[in-house]
Protein backbone atom coordinates (compact mmCIF):
# COMPACT_ATOMS: atom_id res chain seq x y z
CA MET A 1 -101.17 -25.06 180.76
CA THR A 2 -101.87 -27.58 183.38
CA CYS A 3 -99.80 -27.82 186.51
CA CYS A 4 -97.56 -30.51 185.20
CA SER A 5 -97.14 -29.35 181.65
CA LYS A 6 -93.59 -27.37 182.32
CA LYS A 7 -92.17 -30.60 183.64
CA LYS A 8 -90.41 -33.02 181.73
CA VAL A 9 -91.80 -35.95 179.60
CA MET A 10 -89.39 -38.68 178.67
CA VAL A 11 -89.94 -40.60 175.56
CA LEU A 12 -88.58 -44.18 175.21
CA ALA A 13 -88.42 -45.45 171.52
CA THR A 14 -88.72 -49.03 170.70
CA GLY A 15 -89.57 -49.02 167.29
CA GLY A 16 -92.51 -50.39 165.24
CA THR A 17 -94.50 -48.93 162.32
CA ILE A 18 -94.50 -45.54 163.80
CA ALA A 19 -90.44 -45.57 163.06
CA MET A 20 -90.56 -47.20 159.71
CA LYS A 21 -90.43 -45.71 156.01
CA MET A 22 -90.84 -47.60 152.89
CA ASP A 23 -87.71 -49.05 151.29
CA GLU A 24 -88.15 -48.49 147.42
CA LYS A 25 -85.83 -51.50 146.70
CA ILE A 26 -87.83 -54.15 148.55
CA GLY A 27 -91.27 -52.29 148.32
CA ALA A 28 -92.18 -52.50 152.11
CA LEU A 29 -91.62 -50.63 155.42
CA VAL A 30 -88.60 -50.99 157.02
CA PRO A 31 -87.05 -49.57 160.31
CA ALA A 32 -85.80 -46.06 159.59
CA CYS A 33 -86.56 -43.30 162.23
CA THR A 34 -85.07 -42.82 165.93
CA GLY A 35 -86.94 -41.71 168.59
CA GLU A 36 -85.27 -38.32 168.28
CA ASP A 37 -86.67 -38.40 164.35
CA LEU A 38 -90.11 -38.84 165.82
CA VAL A 39 -90.27 -36.14 168.39
CA ALA A 40 -88.99 -33.62 165.72
CA ALA A 41 -91.49 -34.50 163.17
CA VAL A 42 -94.40 -33.32 165.99
CA PRO A 43 -95.04 -29.48 165.16
CA GLY A 44 -95.51 -27.74 168.55
CA LEU A 45 -94.43 -30.44 170.88
CA ASP A 46 -92.04 -27.83 172.91
CA LYS A 47 -95.31 -26.24 173.92
CA VAL A 48 -96.58 -29.21 175.64
CA ALA A 49 -93.78 -30.32 177.52
CA HIS A 50 -90.13 -30.29 177.81
CA VAL A 51 -89.15 -33.54 175.99
CA GLU A 52 -86.20 -35.92 176.16
CA VAL A 53 -85.91 -39.09 174.17
CA GLU A 54 -84.06 -42.27 174.99
CA GLN A 55 -84.03 -45.26 172.15
CA ILE A 56 -84.30 -48.33 174.01
CA CYS A 57 -84.54 -50.61 170.87
CA ASN A 58 -85.76 -50.10 167.40
CA VAL A 59 -87.67 -53.15 166.65
CA ALA A 60 -90.88 -54.41 164.49
CA SER A 61 -93.48 -55.05 166.98
CA PRO A 62 -93.50 -58.93 166.73
CA ASN A 63 -89.93 -58.65 167.97
CA MET A 64 -90.73 -57.43 171.10
CA THR A 65 -89.89 -59.78 174.09
CA PRO A 66 -91.03 -60.14 177.72
CA GLU A 67 -87.17 -59.57 178.44
CA ILE A 68 -87.47 -56.15 176.42
CA MET A 69 -90.51 -55.45 178.20
CA PHE A 70 -88.82 -56.03 181.53
CA LYS A 71 -86.15 -53.33 180.32
CA LEU A 72 -88.73 -50.94 179.61
CA HIS A 73 -90.33 -51.36 182.92
CA GLN A 74 -87.09 -50.86 184.75
CA ARG A 75 -85.90 -47.54 182.78
CA ALA A 76 -89.60 -46.25 182.99
CA GLU A 77 -89.83 -46.73 187.01
CA GLU A 78 -86.13 -45.15 187.19
CA LEU A 79 -87.17 -42.04 185.48
CA LEU A 80 -90.67 -41.53 187.12
CA ALA A 81 -88.71 -41.47 190.35
CA ARG A 82 -87.12 -38.29 189.38
CA ASP A 83 -88.90 -35.01 190.67
CA ASP A 84 -88.47 -33.61 187.09
CA VAL A 85 -90.08 -36.13 185.30
CA ALA A 86 -93.97 -35.88 185.05
CA GLY A 87 -94.74 -38.99 182.90
CA VAL A 88 -93.10 -41.45 180.25
CA VAL A 89 -94.34 -41.76 176.75
CA ILE A 90 -93.24 -45.41 175.12
CA THR A 91 -93.51 -45.61 171.29
CA HIS A 92 -94.00 -48.97 170.22
CA GLY A 93 -95.41 -51.16 167.37
CA THR A 94 -99.09 -51.95 167.26
CA ASP A 95 -99.08 -55.76 166.95
CA THR A 96 -98.06 -56.28 170.54
CA LEU A 97 -98.74 -53.03 172.22
CA GLU A 98 -101.51 -54.54 174.15
CA GLU A 99 -99.12 -57.15 175.64
CA THR A 100 -96.18 -54.61 176.58
CA SER A 101 -98.67 -52.10 177.94
CA TYR A 102 -100.32 -54.73 180.23
CA PHE A 103 -97.02 -56.07 181.44
CA LEU A 104 -95.93 -52.42 182.35
CA ASP A 105 -99.33 -51.92 183.98
CA ILE A 106 -98.85 -54.89 186.36
CA THR A 107 -95.81 -53.88 187.16
CA HIS A 108 -95.92 -50.11 187.58
CA GLN A 109 -94.69 -48.81 191.02
CA SER A 110 -95.40 -45.03 190.38
CA ASP A 111 -98.56 -43.13 190.51
CA LYS A 112 -97.21 -41.08 187.71
CA PRO A 113 -98.46 -41.84 183.82
CA ILE A 114 -96.96 -44.11 181.48
CA VAL A 115 -98.25 -43.71 178.19
CA LEU A 116 -97.97 -46.05 175.10
CA THR A 117 -98.49 -44.75 171.48
CA ALA A 118 -98.07 -46.11 167.96
CA ALA A 119 -99.14 -45.63 164.58
CA MET A 120 -100.54 -47.74 161.79
CA ARG A 121 -98.96 -45.62 158.94
CA GLY A 122 -95.47 -45.55 158.37
CA ALA A 123 -93.56 -42.26 158.87
CA GLY A 124 -93.30 -41.79 155.24
CA ASP A 125 -96.76 -42.58 154.39
CA VAL A 126 -99.42 -40.02 153.06
CA SER A 127 -100.76 -38.66 156.24
CA PRO A 128 -98.81 -40.62 158.96
CA ASP A 129 -100.85 -40.92 162.14
CA GLY A 130 -97.64 -41.03 164.35
CA PRO A 131 -97.10 -37.56 164.95
CA ALA A 132 -100.57 -36.62 166.23
CA ASN A 133 -100.46 -39.83 168.63
CA ILE A 134 -97.13 -38.60 169.97
CA TYR A 135 -98.71 -35.24 170.72
CA CYS A 136 -101.49 -36.62 172.52
CA ALA A 137 -99.40 -39.17 174.31
CA VAL A 138 -97.37 -36.57 175.59
CA GLN A 139 -100.07 -34.11 176.20
CA ALA A 140 -101.52 -36.88 178.76
CA ALA A 141 -98.43 -38.03 180.41
CA ALA A 142 -97.77 -34.32 181.21
CA ASP A 143 -101.07 -33.59 182.74
CA CYS A 144 -101.73 -33.81 186.48
CA SER A 145 -105.09 -35.62 186.12
CA SER A 146 -103.38 -38.74 184.60
CA ARG A 147 -101.90 -39.62 187.71
CA GLY A 148 -103.17 -42.75 189.33
CA LYS A 149 -104.36 -43.83 185.91
CA GLY A 150 -101.65 -46.62 185.53
CA VAL A 151 -100.55 -47.34 182.15
CA MET A 152 -102.46 -46.25 179.23
CA VAL A 153 -102.78 -46.46 175.25
CA CYS A 154 -103.30 -43.35 173.26
CA LEU A 155 -104.39 -43.43 169.77
CA ASN A 156 -106.84 -41.13 167.54
CA ASN A 157 -107.09 -39.00 170.81
CA LEU A 158 -108.52 -42.03 172.96
CA LEU A 159 -107.03 -43.14 176.20
CA HIS A 160 -107.50 -46.76 176.92
CA ALA A 161 -106.57 -48.65 179.90
CA ALA A 162 -104.05 -51.29 179.49
CA GLY A 163 -105.73 -54.21 180.87
CA GLU A 164 -108.89 -53.54 178.59
CA VAL A 165 -107.35 -52.49 175.34
CA MET A 166 -106.70 -54.84 172.21
CA LYS A 167 -106.00 -54.28 168.52
CA THR A 168 -109.03 -55.23 166.56
CA HIS A 169 -108.19 -54.36 162.94
CA SER A 170 -105.12 -55.31 161.14
CA ALA A 171 -104.80 -52.21 159.35
CA ASN A 172 -107.41 -49.48 160.23
CA CYS A 173 -106.07 -46.52 162.13
CA ALA A 174 -108.87 -46.80 164.68
CA THR A 175 -107.81 -50.20 165.41
CA PHE A 176 -107.41 -49.83 169.20
CA ALA A 177 -110.31 -50.44 171.44
CA SER A 178 -111.48 -51.73 174.81
CA PRO A 179 -114.49 -53.94 174.07
CA TRP A 180 -117.29 -53.77 176.50
CA TRP A 181 -115.66 -51.17 178.56
CA GLY A 182 -114.68 -48.34 176.26
CA PRO A 183 -111.91 -45.78 176.69
CA ILE A 184 -111.22 -44.33 179.99
CA GLY A 185 -110.93 -40.91 178.47
CA TYR A 186 -109.86 -38.51 175.52
CA VAL A 187 -107.27 -35.86 174.62
CA GLU A 188 -108.74 -32.47 173.89
CA ALA A 189 -106.99 -29.57 172.73
CA ASP A 190 -106.90 -27.84 175.86
CA ARG A 191 -107.11 -30.77 178.58
CA ILE A 192 -107.34 -34.22 179.15
CA VAL A 193 -110.77 -35.58 179.91
CA TYR A 194 -111.47 -38.79 181.82
CA ARG A 195 -114.81 -40.46 182.38
CA ARG A 196 -113.75 -43.23 184.65
CA VAL A 197 -110.72 -44.55 186.48
CA PRO A 198 -109.51 -48.05 185.98
CA VAL A 199 -110.14 -50.65 188.59
CA ALA A 200 -106.99 -51.47 190.98
CA HIS A 201 -104.91 -54.23 190.51
CA ARG A 202 -102.29 -56.49 191.98
CA ILE A 203 -98.76 -55.27 191.10
CA PHE A 204 -95.75 -57.82 190.65
CA ASN A 205 -92.16 -56.87 191.40
CA PRO A 206 -89.84 -59.78 190.40
CA LYS A 207 -86.16 -59.21 190.12
CA ALA A 208 -85.88 -61.11 186.88
CA LEU A 209 -87.98 -62.94 184.58
CA THR A 210 -87.17 -66.66 185.30
CA ALA A 211 -90.63 -68.51 184.38
CA ARG A 212 -91.24 -69.74 180.72
CA VAL A 213 -94.87 -69.98 180.13
CA ASP A 214 -96.44 -71.11 177.01
CA LEU A 215 -99.62 -70.48 175.23
CA ILE A 216 -101.69 -73.22 173.67
CA LYS A 217 -104.94 -72.23 171.69
CA ALA A 218 -107.95 -74.79 171.72
CA VAL A 219 -109.45 -75.38 168.24
CA THR A 220 -112.15 -78.25 167.43
CA GLY A 221 -110.29 -81.43 167.45
CA SER A 222 -107.29 -80.26 169.54
CA ASP A 223 -105.63 -83.31 171.69
CA ARG A 224 -102.66 -83.25 174.34
CA THR A 225 -100.05 -83.23 171.79
CA TYR A 226 -99.07 -79.34 172.43
CA ILE A 227 -99.68 -79.71 176.05
CA ASP A 228 -96.99 -82.80 176.53
CA PHE A 229 -94.52 -80.84 174.12
CA ALA A 230 -94.73 -77.57 176.42
CA VAL A 231 -94.30 -79.84 179.60
CA ALA A 232 -91.20 -81.58 177.99
CA GLN A 233 -89.63 -78.34 177.32
CA GLY A 234 -89.50 -77.33 180.59
CA CYS A 235 -92.30 -74.70 180.73
CA LYS A 236 -93.29 -73.75 184.46
CA GLY A 237 -96.83 -72.66 183.05
CA ILE A 238 -99.14 -73.14 180.25
CA ILE A 239 -102.07 -70.96 179.33
CA VAL A 240 -104.87 -72.79 177.41
CA GLU A 241 -106.99 -70.35 175.55
CA GLY A 242 -110.58 -72.16 175.33
CA PHE A 243 -113.95 -71.33 173.70
CA GLY A 244 -116.72 -69.15 175.27
CA ARG A 245 -116.34 -69.88 178.78
CA GLY A 246 -112.92 -71.65 178.90
CA ASN A 247 -114.45 -75.09 177.57
CA ILE A 248 -112.05 -77.23 175.44
CA PRO A 249 -112.09 -80.29 173.67
CA PRO A 250 -112.17 -83.36 176.11
CA MET A 251 -108.91 -85.00 174.55
CA MET A 252 -106.81 -82.26 176.15
CA GLU A 253 -108.08 -82.93 179.64
CA ASP A 254 -105.43 -85.93 180.47
CA GLY A 255 -102.73 -83.53 179.15
CA ILE A 256 -103.82 -81.05 181.51
CA SER A 257 -104.13 -83.64 184.54
CA ASP A 258 -100.44 -84.99 183.75
CA ALA A 259 -99.02 -81.44 183.36
CA CYS A 260 -100.68 -80.45 186.89
CA ALA A 261 -99.36 -83.60 188.53
CA LYS A 262 -95.94 -82.49 187.38
CA GLY A 263 -96.22 -79.17 189.01
CA VAL A 264 -97.00 -77.04 185.66
CA VAL A 265 -99.42 -74.18 186.42
CA VAL A 266 -102.49 -74.61 183.75
CA ILE A 267 -104.61 -71.43 183.32
CA ILE A 268 -107.64 -71.72 181.34
CA SER A 269 -108.40 -68.43 179.25
CA THR A 270 -111.14 -67.59 176.66
CA ARG A 271 -110.76 -66.72 173.14
CA THR A 272 -113.67 -64.19 173.37
CA PRO A 273 -112.82 -60.62 173.81
CA GLY A 274 -115.04 -60.10 177.01
CA GLY A 275 -116.40 -62.18 179.93
CA ARG A 276 -114.84 -64.44 182.34
CA VAL A 277 -113.94 -67.86 182.45
CA LEU A 278 -116.25 -69.73 184.67
CA ASP A 279 -117.09 -73.30 185.52
CA VAL A 280 -120.82 -73.38 184.69
CA TYR A 281 -120.81 -76.27 182.79
CA GLY A 282 -120.33 -80.17 183.63
CA TYR A 283 -119.42 -82.17 180.54
CA PRO A 284 -115.96 -83.53 179.59
CA GLY A 285 -113.71 -80.71 178.44
CA SER A 286 -115.82 -78.16 180.34
CA VAL A 287 -114.31 -75.78 182.69
CA THR A 288 -115.35 -77.80 185.67
CA ASP A 289 -113.64 -80.73 184.19
CA SER A 290 -110.31 -78.60 183.89
CA CYS A 291 -110.50 -77.47 187.38
CA LYS A 292 -111.08 -80.93 188.85
CA ARG A 293 -107.64 -81.87 187.03
CA GLY A 294 -105.82 -78.88 188.40
CA ALA A 295 -106.50 -76.07 186.11
CA ILE A 296 -107.22 -72.56 187.28
CA MET A 297 -109.70 -70.11 185.62
CA GLY A 298 -108.10 -67.22 184.21
CA GLY A 299 -110.42 -64.40 184.71
CA GLU A 300 -111.54 -62.07 181.77
CA ILE A 301 -107.91 -61.19 180.38
CA SER A 302 -106.89 -62.38 177.31
CA ALA A 303 -104.52 -65.35 176.94
CA ALA A 304 -101.79 -63.24 175.83
CA LYS A 305 -102.21 -61.20 178.63
CA ALA A 306 -102.35 -64.34 180.96
CA ARG A 307 -99.41 -65.45 179.86
CA LEU A 308 -97.60 -62.28 180.84
CA LYS A 309 -99.06 -62.24 184.35
CA LEU A 310 -98.32 -65.95 185.00
CA ILE A 311 -94.42 -65.29 184.14
CA LEU A 312 -94.35 -62.50 186.53
CA ALA A 313 -96.19 -64.09 189.15
CA LEU A 314 -93.98 -67.42 188.96
CA SER A 315 -90.68 -65.05 188.60
CA GLU A 316 -91.56 -63.16 191.67
CA ASN A 317 -92.82 -66.34 193.69
CA PRO A 318 -91.88 -69.71 192.25
CA GLU A 319 -93.72 -71.30 195.23
CA LEU A 320 -97.14 -70.27 193.71
CA ALA A 321 -97.06 -73.05 191.35
CA GLY A 322 -98.54 -75.10 194.61
CA ASP A 323 -100.96 -72.69 195.57
CA ARG A 324 -103.81 -72.84 193.60
CA LYS A 325 -106.30 -70.89 195.56
CA THR A 326 -103.87 -67.82 195.52
CA LEU A 327 -103.50 -68.08 191.80
CA GLN A 328 -107.02 -68.19 191.49
CA GLU A 329 -107.43 -65.02 193.26
CA ILE A 330 -104.60 -63.24 191.46
CA PHE A 331 -106.17 -64.38 187.82
CA ASP A 332 -109.92 -63.48 188.74
CA GLU A 333 -109.53 -60.27 190.56
């Protein structure tokens, strides 16, 4: 037993495939299990830690929203402030797990761990992966060595940093990976093994989510149409997912100019799973061109994570919309 294992681990359930079973009438997986059901299906969990469960919601992963993420953040931090709670585990759907984990990571106030887990097979499937993933996640959340590691994702015995992890396959149980960096540790039968510590990053603490941010994916032949539409809908920010280093079709650039002139923050991200956005090219549509028109380079996080980061940044401090220098520092840390 580690020094924290006798303390309490709170499990916050949100739904997802891990909580679904086959509905024979329609021949498809549907929500069927509560958080209590999930925990009860894990043999030996009581030997790892004292576990209590709260049901936050029971939704499919595509139904997750920043508002639910914010509710999760608030409840997790409340629980972690208690002396008797060693860590929090969140059960979640896999489709948006990387977004929720990142949102929680950049709002995480405590040094105690939050560990998200999920499953690729339903609770009623042959050899479901949910019980083993929950067991490992609770083991990680209860362990003292997990302190200071931020928010992690735990599947298949591997522990990933929230800022690096992504879903890489639509169906394989080994879908979660951290391209270029790899996991930060793994769960063994007797202990948690960490091989590196995630890099420290900025923490946001808005009182509410007030900023709408849209995401526009650049493809060959894209023009300004969707940028203009987003601005007309009243968004405060736009994430443009570019190619490679962040370059985009030149037909989008006038839309970026006009959006920035109206006070809308435009962040350029990349569709690639690794590497930074950088102004190394000088042709029309290049990152250099976008920056001259008022856009900001989005660093190396995915477009989906960049959207959440900008929502939090502008919700906490709306004045940042006029401070390109600070925003550039925030996104390229």
